[in-house]
Protein backbone atom coordinates (compact mmCIF):
# COMPACT_ATOMS: atom_id res chain seq x y z
CA UNK A 1 -8.52 104.14 -15.75
CA UNK A 2 -7.86 100.60 -14.55
CA UNK A 3 -5.15 100.26 -11.92
CA UNK A 4 -2.48 97.66 -12.69
CA UNK A 5 -2.62 94.71 -10.26
CA UNK A 6 0.02 94.68 -7.56
CA UNK A 7 1.84 91.61 -6.32
CA UNK A 8 4.57 90.92 -3.79
CA UNK A 9 7.36 88.45 -3.12
CA UNK A 10 9.06 87.69 0.19
CA UNK A 11 12.31 85.79 0.52
CA UNK A 12 13.14 84.57 4.01
CA UNK A 13 16.67 83.28 4.20
CA UNK A 14 19.08 82.42 6.97
CA UNK A 15 20.18 86.01 7.60
CA UNK A 16 17.58 88.36 6.13
CA UNK A 17 13.96 88.66 5.09
CA UNK A 18 13.26 90.73 1.98
CA UNK A 19 10.18 92.19 0.33
CA UNK A 20 9.52 93.18 -3.28
CA UNK A 21 6.29 94.87 -4.40
CA UNK A 22 5.54 95.60 -8.06
CA UNK A 23 2.63 96.43 -10.32
CA UNK A 24 2.17 94.35 -13.46
CA UNK A 25 0.97 95.82 -16.73
CA UNK A 26 -1.00 93.96 -19.44
CA UNK A 27 2.12 93.55 -21.60
CA UNK A 28 3.84 91.72 -18.73
CA UNK A 29 6.18 94.56 -17.82
CA UNK A 30 6.76 95.38 -14.16
CA UNK A 31 7.04 98.62 -12.25
CA UNK A 32 8.91 98.09 -8.99
CA UNK A 33 7.23 99.99 -6.16
CA UNK A 34 9.07 98.85 -3.05
CA UNK A 35 12.11 96.73 -2.19
CA UNK A 36 13.12 96.25 1.42
CA UNK A 37 15.50 94.17 3.51
CA UNK A 38 15.42 93.43 7.26
CA UNK A 39 18.17 91.41 8.95
CA UNK A 40 16.44 88.86 11.19
CA UNK A 41 19.20 86.20 11.56
CA UNK A 42 16.60 83.42 11.44
CA UNK A 43 19.40 80.87 11.20
CA UNK A 44 20.94 81.96 14.51
CA UNK A 45 22.28 78.80 16.15
CA UNK A 46 20.36 76.43 13.86
CA UNK A 47 23.56 74.74 12.67
CA UNK A 48 24.37 73.80 16.28
CA UNK A 49 20.91 73.24 17.82
CA UNK A 50 18.73 72.19 14.89
CA UNK A 51 16.06 74.65 16.10
CA UNK A 52 15.04 78.26 15.57
CA UNK A 53 15.91 80.45 18.55
CA UNK A 54 12.92 82.13 20.22
CA UNK A 55 14.44 85.58 19.68
CA UNK A 56 14.98 84.82 15.97
CA UNK A 57 11.30 83.92 15.57
CA UNK A 58 10.37 87.14 17.37
CA UNK A 59 12.45 89.12 14.86
CA UNK A 60 10.69 87.36 11.96
CA UNK A 61 7.31 88.09 13.56
CA UNK A 62 8.13 91.80 13.80
CA UNK A 63 9.49 91.96 10.24
CA UNK A 64 6.46 90.21 8.73
CA UNK A 65 4.12 92.51 10.66
CA UNK A 66 5.91 95.48 9.07
CA UNK A 67 5.77 93.88 5.63
CA UNK A 68 2.07 93.03 5.91
CA UNK A 69 1.33 96.66 6.79
CA UNK A 70 3.32 97.78 3.77
CA UNK A 71 1.59 95.35 1.39
CA UNK A 72 -1.81 96.56 2.58
CA UNK A 73 -0.67 100.16 2.10
CA UNK A 74 0.32 99.38 -1.52
CA UNK A 75 -2.84 97.38 -2.24
CA UNK A 76 -1.12 94.05 -2.91
CA UNK A 77 -3.51 91.37 -4.20
CA UNK A 78 -1.31 88.29 -3.83
CA UNK A 79 2.05 87.39 -2.33
CA UNK A 80 4.35 84.39 -2.25
CA UNK A 81 6.82 83.90 0.57
CA UNK A 82 9.70 81.52 0.00
CA UNK A 83 11.55 80.05 2.95
CA UNK A 84 14.96 78.65 2.15
CA UNK A 85 17.99 77.13 3.86
CA UNK A 86 17.33 77.75 7.57
CA UNK A 87 13.72 76.55 7.33
CA UNK A 88 14.75 73.30 5.68
CA UNK A 89 16.93 72.49 8.70
CA UNK A 90 14.88 73.53 11.76
CA UNK A 91 12.99 71.03 13.92
CA UNK A 92 10.51 73.66 15.16
CA UNK A 93 9.78 75.12 11.75
CA UNK A 94 6.01 74.83 12.32
CA UNK A 95 6.26 77.81 14.68
CA UNK A 96 7.73 79.77 11.79
CA UNK A 97 4.92 78.73 9.46
CA UNK A 98 2.27 79.77 11.99
CA UNK A 99 3.84 83.22 12.18
CA UNK A 100 3.89 83.51 8.39
CA UNK A 101 0.28 82.32 8.09
CA UNK A 102 -0.91 84.93 10.58
CA UNK A 103 0.67 87.82 8.68
CA UNK A 104 0.23 86.66 5.07
CA UNK A 105 -3.41 85.86 5.85
CA UNK A 106 -3.95 89.61 6.13
CA UNK A 107 -3.24 89.81 2.39
CA UNK A 108 -5.06 86.68 1.25
CA UNK A 109 -6.72 84.02 3.38
CA UNK A 110 -4.87 80.73 3.72
CA UNK A 111 -1.45 81.93 2.58
CA UNK A 112 1.66 80.66 4.35
CA UNK A 113 5.39 80.55 3.66
CA UNK A 114 6.46 77.83 1.24
CA UNK A 115 9.62 75.78 1.75
CA UNK A 116 11.81 76.04 -1.32
CA UNK A 117 14.12 73.11 -2.02
CA UNK A 118 17.75 73.78 -2.81
CA UNK A 119 17.19 72.89 -6.46
CA UNK A 120 14.14 75.16 -6.74
CA UNK A 121 16.01 77.94 -4.96
CA UNK A 122 18.76 77.61 -7.56
CA UNK A 123 16.25 77.85 -10.42
CA UNK A 124 14.49 80.91 -9.00
CA UNK A 125 17.83 82.61 -8.30
CA UNK A 126 18.97 82.01 -11.87
CA UNK A 127 15.72 83.31 -13.35
CA UNK A 128 15.97 86.50 -11.30
CA UNK A 129 19.70 87.03 -11.85
CA UNK A 130 19.67 86.85 -15.65
CA UNK A 131 16.72 89.24 -16.07
CA UNK A 132 18.95 92.14 -17.10
CA UNK A 133 21.90 90.25 -18.60
CA UNK A 134 20.77 91.04 -22.13
CA UNK A 135 21.01 88.74 -25.12
CA UNK A 136 22.95 85.55 -24.49
CA UNK A 137 24.36 83.18 -27.06
CA UNK A 138 22.38 79.95 -27.32
CA UNK A 139 25.29 77.91 -25.98
CA UNK A 140 26.83 80.51 -23.67
CA UNK A 141 27.23 78.88 -20.27
CA UNK A 142 26.18 81.22 -17.46
CA UNK A 143 26.94 80.27 -13.85
CA UNK A 144 24.81 82.03 -11.23
CA UNK A 145 26.10 81.83 -7.65
CA UNK A 146 23.61 82.72 -4.90
CA UNK A 147 25.63 83.06 -1.69
CA UNK A 148 23.22 83.08 1.24
CA UNK A 149 23.38 82.75 5.00
CA UNK A 150 23.04 78.98 5.22
CA UNK A 151 23.64 77.70 1.71
CA UNK A 152 25.14 78.64 -1.63
CA UNK A 153 23.44 77.70 -4.89
CA UNK A 154 25.37 77.11 -8.11
CA UNK A 155 23.41 77.03 -11.37
CA UNK A 156 24.86 76.58 -14.86
CA UNK A 157 22.54 76.99 -17.84
CA UNK A 158 22.56 77.81 -21.53
CA UNK A 159 19.85 79.81 -23.27
CA UNK A 160 19.14 76.84 -25.54
CA UNK A 161 18.50 74.58 -22.56
CA UNK A 162 21.21 72.14 -23.62
CA UNK A 163 22.82 72.58 -20.19
CA UNK A 164 20.78 72.89 -16.99
CA UNK A 165 22.67 71.91 -13.85
CA UNK A 166 22.37 73.06 -10.25
CA UNK A 167 23.56 72.22 -6.76
CA UNK A 168 22.79 73.65 -3.33
CA UNK A 169 25.79 73.45 -1.00
CA UNK A 170 25.32 73.76 2.76
CA UNK A 171 27.79 76.60 3.16
CA UNK A 172 26.83 80.21 3.73
CA UNK A 173 28.00 83.26 5.64
CA UNK A 174 26.10 82.54 8.88
CA UNK A 175 26.73 78.79 8.88
CA UNK A 176 30.49 79.15 8.27
CA UNK A 177 30.92 82.00 10.75
CA UNK A 178 29.13 80.15 13.56
CA UNK A 179 30.98 76.93 12.85
CA UNK A 180 34.54 78.18 12.30
CA UNK A 181 35.19 81.91 12.81
CA UNK A 182 35.25 82.65 16.53
CA UNK A 183 37.99 85.26 17.04
CA UNK A 184 38.34 88.93 16.01
CA UNK A 185 39.69 89.06 13.36
CA UNK A 186 39.45 85.37 12.43
CA UNK A 187 42.64 83.48 13.28
CA UNK A 188 44.64 81.99 10.42
CA UNK A 189 43.88 78.50 11.73
CA UNK A 190 40.13 79.21 11.72
CA UNK A 191 40.26 80.57 8.18
CA UNK A 192 42.28 77.56 7.03
CA UNK A 193 39.79 75.13 8.57
CA UNK A 194 36.85 76.96 7.01
CA UNK A 195 38.58 77.08 3.62
CA UNK A 196 39.27 73.35 3.78
CA UNK A 197 35.56 72.74 4.39
CA UNK A 198 34.54 75.03 1.51
CA UNK A 199 37.03 73.35 -0.82
CA UNK A 200 35.54 69.99 0.14
CA UNK A 201 32.05 71.33 -0.57
CA UNK A 202 33.23 72.70 -3.92
CA UNK A 203 34.25 69.17 -4.80
CA UNK A 204 30.62 68.14 -4.26
CA UNK A 205 29.47 71.10 -6.36
CA UNK A 206 31.72 70.10 -9.24
CA UNK A 207 30.41 66.55 -9.21
CA UNK A 208 26.90 67.91 -9.86
CA UNK A 209 27.67 71.02 -11.91
CA UNK A 210 30.30 71.31 -14.65
CA UNK A 211 32.11 74.53 -13.78
CA UNK A 212 35.02 73.83 -16.13
CA UNK A 213 33.39 75.27 -19.27
CA UNK A 214 31.64 78.30 -17.77
CA UNK A 215 31.67 81.42 -19.95
CA UNK A 216 30.20 83.91 -17.50
CA UNK A 217 29.83 84.12 -13.71
CA UNK A 218 27.05 86.11 -12.03
CA UNK A 219 26.97 86.65 -8.26
CA UNK A 220 23.80 87.51 -6.33
CA UNK A 221 22.57 88.15 -2.76
CA UNK A 222 23.78 90.37 0.06
CA UNK A 223 27.36 89.19 0.49
CA UNK A 224 28.01 89.59 -3.24
CA UNK A 225 26.31 92.98 -3.58
CA UNK A 226 28.05 94.35 -0.47
CA UNK A 227 31.39 93.16 -1.84
CA UNK A 228 30.50 94.81 -5.15
CA UNK A 229 30.07 98.22 -3.49
CA UNK A 230 33.33 97.71 -1.59
CA UNK A 231 35.22 96.64 -4.72
CA UNK A 232 33.88 99.70 -6.54
CA UNK A 233 35.27 101.85 -3.71
CA UNK A 234 31.87 103.33 -2.84
CA UNK A 235 31.35 105.20 0.42
CA UNK A 236 27.81 103.84 0.78
CA UNK A 237 25.79 100.91 -0.52
CA UNK A 238 24.43 101.72 -3.98
CA UNK A 239 22.15 99.13 -5.63
CA UNK A 240 22.09 101.03 -8.93
CA UNK A 241 25.90 101.04 -9.16
CA UNK A 242 26.03 97.40 -8.07
CA UNK A 243 23.49 96.08 -10.56
CA UNK A 244 25.20 94.50 -13.57
CA UNK A 245 28.58 95.81 -12.40
CA UNK A 246 31.57 93.83 -13.64
CA UNK A 247 34.63 93.16 -11.48
CA UNK A 248 37.87 91.39 -12.09
CA UNK A 249 37.94 88.14 -10.14
CA UNK A 250 41.30 89.22 -8.70
CA UNK A 251 39.84 92.47 -7.32
CA UNK A 252 36.78 90.67 -5.95
CA UNK A 253 39.02 88.12 -4.24
CA UNK A 254 41.14 90.93 -2.78
CA UNK A 255 37.99 92.42 -1.24
CA UNK A 256 37.20 89.04 0.32
CA UNK A 257 40.69 88.77 1.80
CA UNK A 258 40.45 92.32 3.16
CA UNK A 259 37.17 91.54 4.92
CA UNK A 260 38.67 88.43 6.50
CA UNK A 261 41.50 90.51 7.95
CA UNK A 262 39.09 92.86 9.73
CA UNK A 263 37.21 92.67 13.01
CA UNK A 264 33.44 93.13 13.04
CA UNK A 265 33.93 96.68 14.31
CA UNK A 266 36.34 97.47 11.48
CA UNK A 267 33.89 96.09 8.92
CA UNK A 268 31.16 98.28 10.44
CA UNK A 269 33.27 101.32 9.57
CA UNK A 270 32.95 100.49 5.86
CA UNK A 271 30.21 102.67 4.37
CA UNK A 272 28.45 99.98 2.27
CA UNK A 273 28.33 97.47 5.16
CA UNK A 274 24.89 96.70 6.64
CA UNK A 275 25.21 96.52 10.46
CA UNK A 276 23.46 93.14 10.47
CA UNK A 277 25.94 91.67 7.99
CA UNK A 278 29.27 92.80 9.45
CA UNK A 279 29.69 89.92 11.90
CA UNK A 280 28.99 87.15 9.37
CA UNK A 281 30.30 88.41 6.03
CA UNK A 282 33.66 86.79 6.79
CA UNK A 283 32.05 83.39 6.24
CA UNK A 284 30.80 84.55 2.86
CA UNK A 285 34.22 85.99 2.04
CA UNK A 286 35.74 82.53 2.45
CA UNK A 287 33.31 81.09 -0.10
CA UNK A 288 34.18 83.94 -2.49
CA UNK A 289 37.90 83.43 -1.91
CA UNK A 290 37.68 79.75 -2.84
CA UNK A 291 35.43 79.98 -5.90
CA UNK A 292 37.22 83.01 -7.39
CA UNK A 293 40.52 81.13 -7.22
CA UNK A 294 38.89 78.15 -8.92
CA UNK A 295 37.60 80.28 -11.80
CA UNK A 296 40.90 82.18 -12.10
CA UNK A 297 42.71 78.87 -12.49
CA UNK A 298 40.32 78.07 -15.34
CA UNK A 299 41.18 81.29 -17.14
CA UNK A 300 38.09 83.34 -16.33
CA UNK A 301 38.73 86.98 -15.51
CA UNK A 302 35.47 88.65 -14.43
CA UNK A 303 32.37 88.32 -12.27
CA UNK A 304 29.13 90.24 -12.84
CA UNK A 305 27.03 91.19 -9.80
CA UNK A 306 23.24 91.43 -10.04
CA UNK A 307 20.86 93.06 -7.59
CA UNK A 308 18.13 90.82 -8.98
CA UNK A 309 17.97 87.32 -7.57
CA UNK A 310 15.60 84.78 -6.02
CA UNK A 311 13.26 87.57 -4.86
CA UNK A 312 12.63 88.56 -8.47
CA UNK A 313 12.23 84.89 -9.39
CA UNK A 314 9.57 84.47 -6.70
CA UNK A 315 7.72 87.55 -7.94
CA UNK A 316 7.64 86.07 -11.44
CA UNK A 317 5.99 82.97 -9.94
CA UNK A 318 3.28 85.11 -8.31
CA UNK A 319 2.61 86.87 -11.60
CA UNK A 320 2.35 83.53 -13.43
CA UNK A 321 -0.12 82.04 -10.98
CA UNK A 322 -2.32 85.11 -11.38
CA UNK A 323 -1.95 84.91 -15.19
């Protein structure tokens, strides 16, 4: 009996580094074997210094060592590692690439992390997010929002391809928290300043992406999925309950406002909250607060949350290149 080939995808963002391992069958179907997430805070201080902190690189080194061991254990034949927002900004990014080359080379010689542009990140996020959306009308406009640590991607597409717009905005949970939110809980003046910045950035988004005629909104990545579990009232994080869950925009916005009113310690008491996300999710909550209000004003009522995102899009790339 021939064993199905096994491939892996790694997404290294501003706040976390994630691994997905799957086996691929001849008909193209996938069997997910492992999905993991380690908070490394690679973007720590990058907004202020323009460089990766030594301790952040050490955390990435340790995480990739763990992931390489796991990929060897599962018999992975090929892997692609995408590096997104933080890596695009850092002056000493070559140190990061040397670390990635050392660990990925254990899987296949010569491999290294690949910098993903904002536009490409948006495309991969969309491809992953819509995997389980089901049949879409040819002209149904789907907006996927990938809210990360350093940036937020907005993608609007139709199944027919008549609309294909995207924009990567330099606003994310880590970037906004480090820049604006310095007290516990965030002071009203800090929140107002951060919201003003996000509203300004949303103006840039709307110049590039027509959000006015969107039929469906899909949110992906850790801030969104954590807020999904909280909005559902869960006592612990549950990816199965999160995936393809639908929330009223009003309820989702209320969750964002609740998070902003809490200290880091109070957020840590929430069952679904990852300890490495509690101190920065307030920045993400501000982005959610602003875009949910925008869509509510346009008459939209719901947001769908997907556990599948850029990581699944990267895995699809690995499968294609091994076609």
